[in-house]
C-alpha atoms as a PDB file:
ATOM      1  CA  UNK A   1     -30.296  -0.385  31.451  1.00  0.00           C
ATOM      2  CA  UNK A   2     -29.084  -3.410  32.641  1.00  0.00           C
ATOM      3  CA  UNK A   3     -32.487  -4.652  32.187  1.00  0.00           C
ATOM      4  CA  UNK A   4     -32.559  -3.655  28.953  1.00  0.00           C
ATOM      5  CA  UNK A   5     -29.290  -5.900  28.681  1.00  0.00           C
ATOM      6  CA  UNK A   6     -31.526  -8.870  30.127  1.00  0.00           C
ATOM      7  CA  UNK A   7     -33.785  -7.934  28.035  1.00  0.00           C
ATOM      8  CA  UNK A   8     -31.841  -8.322  24.288  1.00  0.00           C
ATOM      9  CA  UNK A   9     -30.205 -11.259  26.001  1.00  0.00           C
ATOM     10  CA  UNK A  10     -33.333 -13.399  26.851  1.00  0.00           C
ATOM     11  CA  UNK A  11     -34.633 -12.305  22.872  1.00  0.00           C
ATOM     12  CA  UNK A  12     -31.554 -13.379  21.230  1.00  0.00           C
ATOM     13  CA  UNK A  13     -31.307 -16.652  23.700  1.00  0.00           C
ATOM     14  CA  UNK A  14     -35.022 -17.193  22.188  1.00  0.00           C
ATOM     15  CA  UNK A  15     -34.186 -17.163  18.722  1.00  0.00           C
ATOM     16  CA  UNK A  16     -31.366 -19.197  19.933  1.00  0.00           C
ATOM     17  CA  UNK A  17     -33.788 -22.070  20.816  1.00  0.00           C
ATOM     18  CA  UNK A  18     -36.125 -21.495  18.394  1.00  0.00           C
ATOM     19  CA  UNK A  19     -33.789 -21.938  15.523  1.00  0.00           C
ATOM     20  CA  UNK A  20     -32.428 -25.002  17.751  1.00  0.00           C
ATOM     21  CA  UNK A  21     -36.447 -26.188  17.925  1.00  0.00           C
ATOM     22  CA  UNK A  22     -36.935 -25.454  14.127  1.00  0.00           C
ATOM     23  CA  UNK A  23     -33.959 -27.712  13.149  1.00  0.00           C
ATOM     24  CA  UNK A  24     -34.908 -30.459  15.839  1.00  0.00           C
ATOM     25  CA  UNK A  25     -37.755 -31.160  13.969  1.00  0.00           C
ATOM     26  CA  UNK A  26     -36.025 -32.654  10.772  1.00  0.00           C
ATOM     27  CA  UNK A  27     -36.025 -36.192  10.354  1.00  0.00           C
ATOM     28  CA  UNK A  28     -33.202 -37.546  11.309  1.00  0.00           C
ATOM     29  CA  UNK A  29     -32.842 -39.508   8.248  1.00  0.00           C
ATOM     30  CA  UNK A  30     -32.750 -35.583   6.378  1.00  0.00           C
ATOM     31  CA  UNK A  31     -30.625 -34.029   8.835  1.00  0.00           C
ATOM     32  CA  UNK A  32     -27.520 -35.071   6.791  1.00  0.00           C
ATOM     33  CA  UNK A  33     -28.835 -34.039   3.735  1.00  0.00           C
ATOM     34  CA  UNK A  34     -29.414 -30.792   5.709  1.00  0.00           C
ATOM     35  CA  UNK A  35     -26.682 -29.978   7.214  1.00  0.00           C
ATOM     36  CA  UNK A  36     -25.282 -30.526   3.206  1.00  0.00           C
ATOM     37  CA  UNK A  37     -27.360 -27.605   2.391  1.00  0.00           C
ATOM     38  CA  UNK A  38     -26.955 -25.422   5.061  1.00  0.00           C
ATOM     39  CA  UNK A  39     -23.496 -25.521   5.168  1.00  0.00           C
ATOM     40  CA  UNK A  40     -23.238 -24.755   1.637  1.00  0.00           C
ATOM     41  CA  UNK A  41     -25.563 -21.437   1.485  1.00  0.00           C
ATOM     42  CA  UNK A  42     -22.981 -20.536   4.397  1.00  0.00           C
ATOM     43  CA  UNK A  43     -20.162 -21.339   2.454  1.00  0.00           C
ATOM     44  CA  UNK A  44     -21.296 -19.033  -1.041  1.00  0.00           C
ATOM     45  CA  UNK A  45     -22.678 -16.086   1.568  1.00  0.00           C
ATOM     46  CA  UNK A  46     -18.858 -16.800   2.680  1.00  0.00           C
ATOM     47  CA  UNK A  47     -16.979 -16.949  -0.703  1.00  0.00           C
ATOM     48  CA  UNK A  48     -19.131 -13.431  -1.550  1.00  0.00           C
ATOM     49  CA  UNK A  49     -18.001 -12.086   0.863  1.00  0.00           C
ATOM     50  CA  UNK A  50     -14.240 -13.101   0.800  1.00  0.00           C
ATOM     51  CA  UNK A  51     -14.083 -12.040  -3.135  1.00  0.00           C
ATOM     52  CA  UNK A  52     -15.026  -8.523  -2.214  1.00  0.00           C
ATOM     53  CA  UNK A  53     -12.531  -8.577   0.503  1.00  0.00           C
ATOM     54  CA  UNK A  54      -9.562  -9.351  -1.530  1.00  0.00           C
ATOM     55  CA  UNK A  55     -11.317  -7.240  -4.250  1.00  0.00           C
ATOM     56  CA  UNK A  56     -11.040  -4.224  -1.231  1.00  0.00           C
ATOM     57  CA  UNK A  57      -7.341  -5.447  -0.149  1.00  0.00           C
ATOM     58  CA  UNK A  58      -6.297  -5.310  -3.863  1.00  0.00           C
ATOM     59  CA  UNK A  59      -7.717  -1.600  -4.754  1.00  0.00           C
ATOM     60  CA  UNK A  60      -6.095  -0.915  -1.042  1.00  0.00           C
ATOM     61  CA  UNK A  61      -2.512  -1.910  -2.392  1.00  0.00           C
ATOM     62  CA  UNK A  62      -2.972  -0.827  -6.192  1.00  0.00           C
ATOM     63  CA  UNK A  63      -3.740   3.611  -4.276  1.00  0.00           C
ATOM     64  CA  UNK A  64      -0.757   2.837  -2.498  1.00  0.00           C
ATOM     65  CA  UNK A  65       1.374   1.695  -5.279  1.00  0.00           C
ATOM     66  CA  UNK A  66      -0.115   4.663  -7.360  1.00  0.00           C
ATOM     67  CA  UNK A  67       1.074   7.469  -4.211  1.00  0.00           C
ATOM     68  CA  UNK A  68       4.413   5.565  -3.881  1.00  0.00           C
ATOM     69  CA  UNK A  69       5.247   5.931  -7.887  1.00  0.00           C
ATOM     70  CA  UNK A  70       3.963   9.677  -7.845  1.00  0.00           C
ATOM     71  CA  UNK A  71       5.602  10.675  -4.905  1.00  0.00           C
ATOM     72  CA  UNK A  72       9.406  10.497  -3.480  1.00  0.00           C
ATOM     73  CA  UNK A  73      10.798   7.019  -3.523  1.00  0.00           C
ATOM     74  CA  UNK A  74      10.333   5.159  -0.064  1.00  0.00           C
ATOM     75  CA  UNK A  75      10.893   2.348   0.052  1.00  0.00           C
ATOM     76  CA  UNK A  76       9.735   1.349   3.562  1.00  0.00           C
ATOM     77  CA  UNK A  77       6.057   2.552   3.089  1.00  0.00           C
ATOM     78  CA  UNK A  78       6.545  -0.169  -0.087  1.00  0.00           C
ATOM     79  CA  UNK A  79       7.314  -2.477   2.713  1.00  0.00           C
ATOM     80  CA  UNK A  80       4.527  -1.211   5.307  1.00  0.00           C
ATOM     81  CA  UNK A  81       2.029  -1.383   2.274  1.00  0.00           C
ATOM     82  CA  UNK A  82       3.146  -5.211   1.270  1.00  0.00           C
ATOM     83  CA  UNK A  83       2.960  -6.303   5.278  1.00  0.00           C
ATOM     84  CA  UNK A  84      -0.637  -4.365   5.749  1.00  0.00           C
ATOM     85  CA  UNK A  85      -1.721  -6.387   2.023  1.00  0.00           C
ATOM     86  CA  UNK A  86      -0.877  -9.554   4.305  1.00  0.00           C
ATOM     87  CA  UNK A  87      -2.611  -8.569   7.809  1.00  0.00           C
ATOM     88  CA  UNK A  88      -5.638  -7.640   6.279  1.00  0.00           C
ATOM     89  CA  UNK A  89      -5.622 -10.890   4.156  1.00  0.00           C
ATOM     90  CA  UNK A  90      -5.182 -12.964   6.925  1.00  0.00           C
ATOM     91  CA  UNK A  91      -7.966 -10.796   9.502  1.00  0.00           C
ATOM     92  CA  UNK A  92     -10.102 -11.753   6.308  1.00  0.00           C
ATOM     93  CA  UNK A  93      -9.309 -15.129   7.147  1.00  0.00           C
ATOM     94  CA  UNK A  94     -10.154 -14.652  10.731  1.00  0.00           C
ATOM     95  CA  UNK A  95     -13.729 -12.855   9.949  1.00  0.00           C
ATOM     96  CA  UNK A  96     -14.899 -16.323   7.886  1.00  0.00           C
ATOM     97  CA  UNK A  97     -13.675 -18.112  10.794  1.00  0.00           C
ATOM     98  CA  UNK A  98     -15.416 -16.226  13.396  1.00  0.00           C
ATOM     99  CA  UNK A  99     -18.700 -16.414  10.716  1.00  0.00           C
ATOM    100  CA  UNK A 100     -19.026 -20.220  10.697  1.00  0.00           C
ATOM    101  CA  UNK A 101     -18.088 -19.808  14.832  1.00  0.00           C
ATOM    102  CA  UNK A 102     -21.327 -17.715  15.129  1.00  0.00           C
ATOM    103  CA  UNK A 103     -23.457 -19.452  12.328  1.00  0.00           C
ATOM    104  CA  UNK A 104     -22.985 -22.788  14.766  1.00  0.00           C
ATOM    105  CA  UNK A 105     -23.236 -21.501  17.837  1.00  0.00           C
ATOM    106  CA  UNK A 106     -26.797 -19.319  17.004  1.00  0.00           C
ATOM    107  CA  UNK A 107     -28.041 -22.561  15.542  1.00  0.00           C
ATOM    108  CA  UNK A 108     -27.791 -24.373  18.495  1.00  0.00           C
ATOM    109  CA  UNK A 109     -25.470 -27.263  16.531  1.00  0.00           C
ATOM    110  CA  UNK A 110     -22.533 -25.792  19.611  1.00  0.00           C
ATOM    111  CA  UNK A 111     -23.500 -24.357  22.895  1.00  0.00           C
ATOM    112  CA  UNK A 112     -20.246 -22.195  23.338  1.00  0.00           C
ATOM    113  CA  UNK A 113     -19.024 -19.661  21.924  1.00  0.00           C
ATOM    114  CA  UNK A 114     -15.089 -20.465  22.544  1.00  0.00           C
ATOM    115  CA  UNK A 115     -15.870 -24.745  21.360  1.00  0.00           C
ATOM    116  CA  UNK A 116     -17.653 -23.085  18.272  1.00  0.00           C
ATOM    117  CA  UNK A 117     -14.317 -21.281  17.115  1.00  0.00           C
ATOM    118  CA  UNK A 118     -12.476 -24.139  18.165  1.00  0.00           C
ATOM    119  CA  UNK A 119     -14.385 -26.032  16.067  1.00  0.00           C
ATOM    120  CA  UNK A 120     -14.117 -23.634  13.231  1.00  0.00           C
ATOM    121  CA  UNK A 121     -10.850 -23.098  13.360  1.00  0.00           C
ATOM    122  CA  UNK A 122     -10.208 -26.637  12.869  1.00  0.00           C
ATOM    123  CA  UNK A 123     -12.425 -27.735   9.886  1.00  0.00           C
ATOM    124  CA  UNK A 124     -11.659 -24.314   8.248  1.00  0.00           C
ATOM    125  CA  UNK A 125      -7.604 -25.205   7.896  1.00  0.00           C
ATOM    126  CA  UNK A 126      -8.452 -29.093   7.845  1.00  0.00           C
ATOM    127  CA  UNK A 127      -5.856 -29.380  11.098  1.00  0.00           C
ATOM    128  CA  UNK A 128      -8.142 -32.837  11.651  1.00  0.00           C
ATOM    129  CA  UNK A 129      -7.796 -32.371  15.780  1.00  0.00           C
ATOM    130  CA  UNK A 130      -9.815 -31.198  18.265  1.00  0.00           C
ATOM    131  CA  UNK A 131     -12.224 -32.433  21.313  1.00  0.00           C
ATOM    132  CA  UNK A 132     -15.052 -31.016  19.674  1.00  0.00           C
ATOM    133  CA  UNK A 133     -17.984 -32.658  17.634  1.00  0.00           C
ATOM    134  CA  UNK A 134     -20.959 -32.033  16.031  1.00  0.00           C
ATOM    135  CA  UNK A 135     -23.835 -34.166  16.616  1.00  0.00           C
ATOM    136  CA  UNK A 136     -23.704 -37.231  14.084  1.00  0.00           C
ATOM    137  CA  UNK A 137     -26.827 -35.770  11.919  1.00  0.00           C
ATOM    138  CA  UNK A 138     -24.584 -32.636  11.665  1.00  0.00           C
ATOM    139  CA  UNK A 139     -21.065 -33.524  11.119  1.00  0.00           C
ATOM    140  CA  UNK A 140     -21.596 -33.116   7.140  1.00  0.00           C
ATOM    141  CA  UNK A 141     -21.017 -29.359   8.112  1.00  0.00           C
ATOM    142  CA  UNK A 142     -17.195 -30.275   9.025  1.00  0.00           C
ATOM    143  CA  UNK A 143     -15.931 -31.054   5.692  1.00  0.00           C
ATOM    144  CA  UNK A 144     -17.860 -28.134   3.934  1.00  0.00           C
ATOM    145  CA  UNK A 145     -15.843 -25.890   6.421  1.00  0.00           C
ATOM    146  CA  UNK A 146     -13.005 -27.213   5.237  1.00  0.00           C
ATOM    147  CA  UNK A 147     -14.714 -26.959   1.135  1.00  0.00           C
ATOM    148  CA  UNK A 148     -14.495 -23.148   2.089  1.00  0.00           C
ATOM    149  CA  UNK A 149     -11.281 -22.873   3.663  1.00  0.00           C
ATOM    150  CA  UNK A 150      -9.747 -24.557   0.259  1.00  0.00           C
ATOM    151  CA  UNK A 151     -11.506 -22.445  -1.490  1.00  0.00           C
ATOM    152  CA  UNK A 152     -10.535 -19.243   0.371  1.00  0.00           C
ATOM    153  CA  UNK A 153      -6.854 -20.163   1.053  1.00  0.00           C
ATOM    154  CA  UNK A 154      -6.170 -21.025  -2.919  1.00  0.00           C
ATOM    155  CA  UNK A 155      -8.262 -17.956  -3.654  1.00  0.00           C
ATOM    156  CA  UNK A 156      -6.117 -15.835  -1.625  1.00  0.00           C
ATOM    157  CA  UNK A 157      -2.874 -17.319  -2.711  1.00  0.00           C
ATOM    158  CA  UNK A 158      -3.779 -16.395  -6.090  1.00  0.00           C
ATOM    159  CA  UNK A 159      -4.017 -12.623  -4.921  1.00  0.00           C
ATOM    160  CA  UNK A 160      -1.142 -13.052  -2.529  1.00  0.00           C
ATOM    161  CA  UNK A 161       0.874 -13.823  -5.905  1.00  0.00           C
ATOM    162  CA  UNK A 162      -0.018 -11.040  -7.690  1.00  0.00           C
ATOM    163  CA  UNK A 163       1.050  -8.417  -4.732  1.00  0.00           C
ATOM    164  CA  UNK A 164       4.064 -10.038  -4.516  1.00  0.00           C
ATOM    165  CA  UNK A 165       4.810 -10.292  -7.659  1.00  0.00           C
ATOM    166  CA  UNK A 166       3.802  -6.248  -7.990  1.00  0.00           C
ATOM    167  CA  UNK A 167       5.441  -5.376  -4.833  1.00  0.00           C
ATOM    168  CA  UNK A 168       8.954  -7.017  -6.517  1.00  0.00           C
ATOM    169  CA  UNK A 169       8.056  -4.703  -9.340  1.00  0.00           C
ATOM    170  CA  UNK A 170       7.093  -1.428  -7.230  1.00  0.00           C
ATOM    171  CA  UNK A 171      10.628  -1.813  -5.044  1.00  0.00           C
ATOM    172  CA  UNK A 172      12.775  -2.253  -8.563  1.00  0.00           C
ATOM    173  CA  UNK A 173      10.988   1.307  -9.587  1.00  0.00           C
ATOM    174  CA  UNK A 174      11.648   2.804  -6.576  1.00  0.00           C
ATOM    175  CA  UNK A 175      15.284   2.062  -6.293  1.00  0.00           C
ATOM    176  CA  UNK A 176      15.796   2.750 -10.019  1.00  0.00           C
ATOM    177  CA  UNK A 177      13.884   6.211  -9.125  1.00  0.00           C
ATOM    178  CA  UNK A 178      16.250   6.359  -6.439  1.00  0.00           C
ATOM    179  CA  UNK A 179      19.292   5.744  -7.713  1.00  0.00           C
ATOM    180  CA  UNK A 180      18.350   8.765 -10.860  1.00  0.00           C
ATOM    181  CA  UNK A 181      18.072  11.152  -8.030  1.00  0.00           C
ATOM    182  CA  UNK A 182      21.543  10.253  -6.544  1.00  0.00           C
ATOM    183  CA  UNK A 183      22.976  11.016 -10.243  1.00  0.00           C
ATOM    184  CA  UNK A 184      20.141  13.978 -10.569  1.00  0.00           C
ATOM    185  CA  UNK A 185      21.527  15.504  -7.362  1.00  0.00           C
ATOM    186  CA  UNK A 186      25.359  14.699  -8.408  1.00  0.00           C
ATOM    187  CA  UNK A 187      24.894  16.564 -11.892  1.00  0.00           C
ATOM    188  CA  UNK A 188      23.047  19.479 -10.102  1.00  0.00           C
ATOM    189  CA  UNK A 189      25.601  19.748  -8.000  1.00  0.00           C
ATOM    190  CA  UNK A 190      28.885  19.657 -10.906  1.00  0.00           C
ATOM    191  CA  UNK A 191      26.558  21.644 -13.218  1.00  0.00           C
ATOM    192  CA  UNK A 192      26.584  24.458  -9.979  1.00  0.00           C
ATOM    193  CA  UNK A 193      29.928  23.994  -9.295  1.00  0.00           C
ATOM    194  CA  UNK A 194      30.826  24.520 -13.087  1.00  0.00           C
ATOM    195  CA  UNK A 195      28.787  27.552 -13.260  1.00  0.00           C
ATOM    196  CA  UNK A 196      30.687  29.190 -10.115  1.00  0.00           C
ATOM    197  CA  UNK A 197      34.244  28.394 -11.814  1.00  0.00           C
ATOM    198  CA  UNK A 198      32.737  30.136 -14.576  1.00  0.00           C
ATOM    199  CA  UNK A 199      31.519  33.415 -12.629  1.00  0.00           C
ATOM    200  CA  UNK A 200      34.792  33.444 -11.212  1.00  0.00           C
ATOM    201  CA  UNK A 201      36.843  33.204 -14.092  1.00  0.00           C
ATOM    202  CA  UNK A 202      34.661  35.850 -15.221  1.00  0.00           C
ATOM    203  CA  UNK A 203      34.979  37.941 -12.497  1.00  0.00           C
ATOM    204  CA  UNK A 204      39.354  37.914 -12.830  1.00  0.00           C
ATOM    205  CA  UNK A 205      39.268  38.578 -16.230  1.00  0.00           C
ATOM    206  CA  UNK A 206      36.845  41.379 -15.786  1.00  0.00           C
ATOM    207  CA  UNK A 207      39.461  42.814 -13.090  1.00  0.00           C
ATOM    208  CA  UNK A 208      42.879  42.171 -15.510  1.00  0.00           C
ATOM    209  CA  UNK A 209      40.645  43.738 -18.279  1.00  0.00           C
ATOM    210  CA  UNK A 210      39.754  46.831 -16.015  1.00  0.00           C
ATOM    211  CA  UNK A 211      43.694  46.592 -14.382  1.00  0.00           C
ATOM    212  CA  UNK A 212      45.097  47.331 -17.839  1.00  0.00           C
ATOM    213  CA  UNK A 213      42.685  49.946 -19.178  1.00  0.00           C
ATOM    214  CA  UNK A 214      43.529  51.848 -16.006  1.00  0.00           C
ATOM    215  CA  UNK A 215      47.136  51.805 -15.551  1.00  0.00           C
ATOM    216  CA  UNK A 216      47.615  54.348 -17.974  1.00  0.00           C
ATOM    217  CA  UNK A 217      44.044  56.658 -16.872  1.00  0.00           C
ATOM    218  CA  UNK A 218      43.728  59.454 -14.967  1.00  0.00           C
ATOM    219  CA  UNK A 219      41.906  59.184 -11.528  1.00  0.00           C
ATOM    220  CA  UNK A 220      38.702  60.526 -13.100  1.00  0.00           C
ATOM    221  CA  UNK A 221      38.490  57.767 -15.254  1.00  0.00           C
ATOM    222  CA  UNK A 222      39.821  54.753 -13.505  1.00  0.00           C
ATOM    223  CA  UNK A 223      36.858  56.114 -10.994  1.00  0.00           C
ATOM    224  CA  UNK A 224      34.468  55.252 -14.010  1.00  0.00           C
ATOM    225  CA  UNK A 225      35.903  52.442 -15.245  1.00  0.00           C
ATOM    226  CA  UNK A 226      35.983  50.914 -11.495  1.00  0.00           C
ATOM    227  CA  UNK A 227      32.300  51.349 -11.532  1.00  0.00           C
ATOM    228  CA  UNK A 228      31.774  50.566 -14.883  1.00  0.00           C
ATOM    229  CA  UNK A 229      33.451  47.293 -13.426  1.00  0.00           C
ATOM    230  CA  UNK A 230      31.592  46.580 -10.376  1.00  0.00           C
ATOM    231  CA  UNK A 231      28.276  46.842 -12.762  1.00  0.00           C
ATOM    232  CA  UNK A 232      29.524  44.628 -14.733  1.00  0.00           C
ATOM    233  CA  UNK A 233      30.927  41.793 -11.778  1.00  0.00           C
ATOM    234  CA  UNK A 234      27.213  42.100  -9.843  1.00  0.00           C
ATOM    235  CA  UNK A 235      25.613  41.250 -13.343  1.00  0.00           C
ATOM    236  CA  UNK A 236      27.766  38.270 -13.582  1.00  0.00           C
ATOM    237  CA  UNK A 237      27.122  36.948  -9.965  1.00  0.00           C
ATOM    238  CA  UNK A 238      22.927  38.070 -10.618  1.00  0.00           C
ATOM    239  CA  UNK A 239      23.808  35.320 -13.824  1.00  0.00           C
ATOM    240  CA  UNK A 240      25.465  32.745 -11.910  1.00  0.00           C
ATOM    241  CA  UNK A 241      22.630  32.667  -9.314  1.00  0.00           C
ATOM    242  CA  UNK A 242      20.021  32.632 -11.578  1.00  0.00           C
ATOM    243  CA  UNK A 243      21.985  29.505 -13.725  1.00  0.00           C
ATOM    244  CA  UNK A 244      21.822  27.711 -10.367  1.00  0.00           C
ATOM    245  CA  UNK A 245      18.200  28.521  -9.680  1.00  0.00           C
ATOM    246  CA  UNK A 246      16.872  27.183 -12.698  1.00  0.00           C
ATOM    247  CA  UNK A 247      19.100  24.066 -12.019  1.00  0.00           C
ATOM    248  CA  UNK A 248      17.765  23.300  -8.459  1.00  0.00           C
ATOM    249  CA  UNK A 249      14.152  24.401  -9.839  1.00  0.00           C
ATOM    250  CA  UNK A 250      14.891  21.392 -13.210  1.00  0.00           C
ATOM    251  CA  UNK A 251      16.290  19.126 -10.248  1.00  0.00           C
ATOM    252  CA  UNK A 252      13.092  19.447  -7.895  1.00  0.00           C
ATOM    253  CA  UNK A 253      10.197  18.884 -10.913  1.00  0.00           C
ATOM    254  CA  UNK A 254      12.457  16.153 -11.915  1.00  0.00           C
ATOM    255  CA  UNK A 255      12.170  14.447  -8.547  1.00  0.00           C
ATOM    256  CA  UNK A 256       8.503  15.536  -8.020  1.00  0.00           C
ATOM    257  CA  UNK A 257       8.099  13.371 -11.043  1.00  0.00           C
ATOM    258  CA  UNK A 258       8.306   9.704  -9.809  1.00  0.00           C
ATOM    259  CA  UNK A 259       9.220   6.800 -11.418  1.00  0.00           C
ATOM    260  CA  UNK A 260       5.494   6.263 -12.350  1.00  0.00           C
ATOM    261  CA  UNK A 261       5.509   9.400 -14.042  1.00  0.00           C
ATOM    262  CA  UNK A 262       8.040   9.775 -17.473  1.00  0.00           C
ATOM    263  CA  UNK A 263       9.332  13.814 -17.869  1.00  0.00           C
ATOM    264  CA  UNK A 264       7.666  15.564 -20.522  1.00  0.00           C
ATOM    265  CA  UNK A 265       8.567  14.819 -24.486  1.00  0.00           C
ATOM    266  CA  UNK A 266       9.393  10.942 -23.291  1.00  0.00           C
ATOM    267  CA  UNK A 267       6.633   9.811 -24.531  1.00  0.00           C
ATOM    268  CA  UNK A 268       6.612  11.881 -28.282  1.00  0.00           C
ATOM    269  CA  UNK A 269       9.986   9.586 -28.453  1.00  0.00           C
ATOM    270  CA  UNK A 270       9.400   6.734 -27.548  1.00  0.00           C
ATOM    271  CA  UNK A 271       6.849   6.938 -30.180  1.00  0.00           C
END
């Protein structure tokens, strides 16, 4: 296995040497133009990569927002989604710095990998200081790297503005949904209590009515009246339980709708 790894390493080194030898054959007076053309080619490829990456990040953000809007209002998950989007944007820029470093190292313009990463990061962020420099004929690549950084940072900024705006709207909708659910639970508990009070009042009324009717009745008549009273009380309790269950079912359905789905019939009212 070590032999295979050493053979692959030597093959990679030979490819780098071949590219370096090919670049060395370019006349010195044409190397500045060649550096511009080479940098422009890498810049275009990186811009395509950056655009695809931002599109994917926006898809992840929008998909997460839809899931939050169609479910219970979790503001912590919304904050995590926002932070995850920013982390992915940062990772995208780090990957592009590594792309420049990989290109400079494999073209033989900077020998050591960590020096190539340091130089690419300085040029990409237009930091402007460092001890690593390209050869004089190839130094035009540095400004091209800086231009790519300006392009991608501006692109990321515009995307970040959209993400921040949509996150603000999402937080407002989740907050409204949480207030709506709180009010819904309060109304449901009030309706349950009202149903319970009505059921108790009906029970007392039924017992009072039975007591009045049995005042002058015989034993067997009283027994029949008591049975009828128990039957009506049981029916009242069952009706009360069914009413409370219906209230709770409506509450669960309202909670399942979420802030992104209007209640049934609301669209028709709007029209």
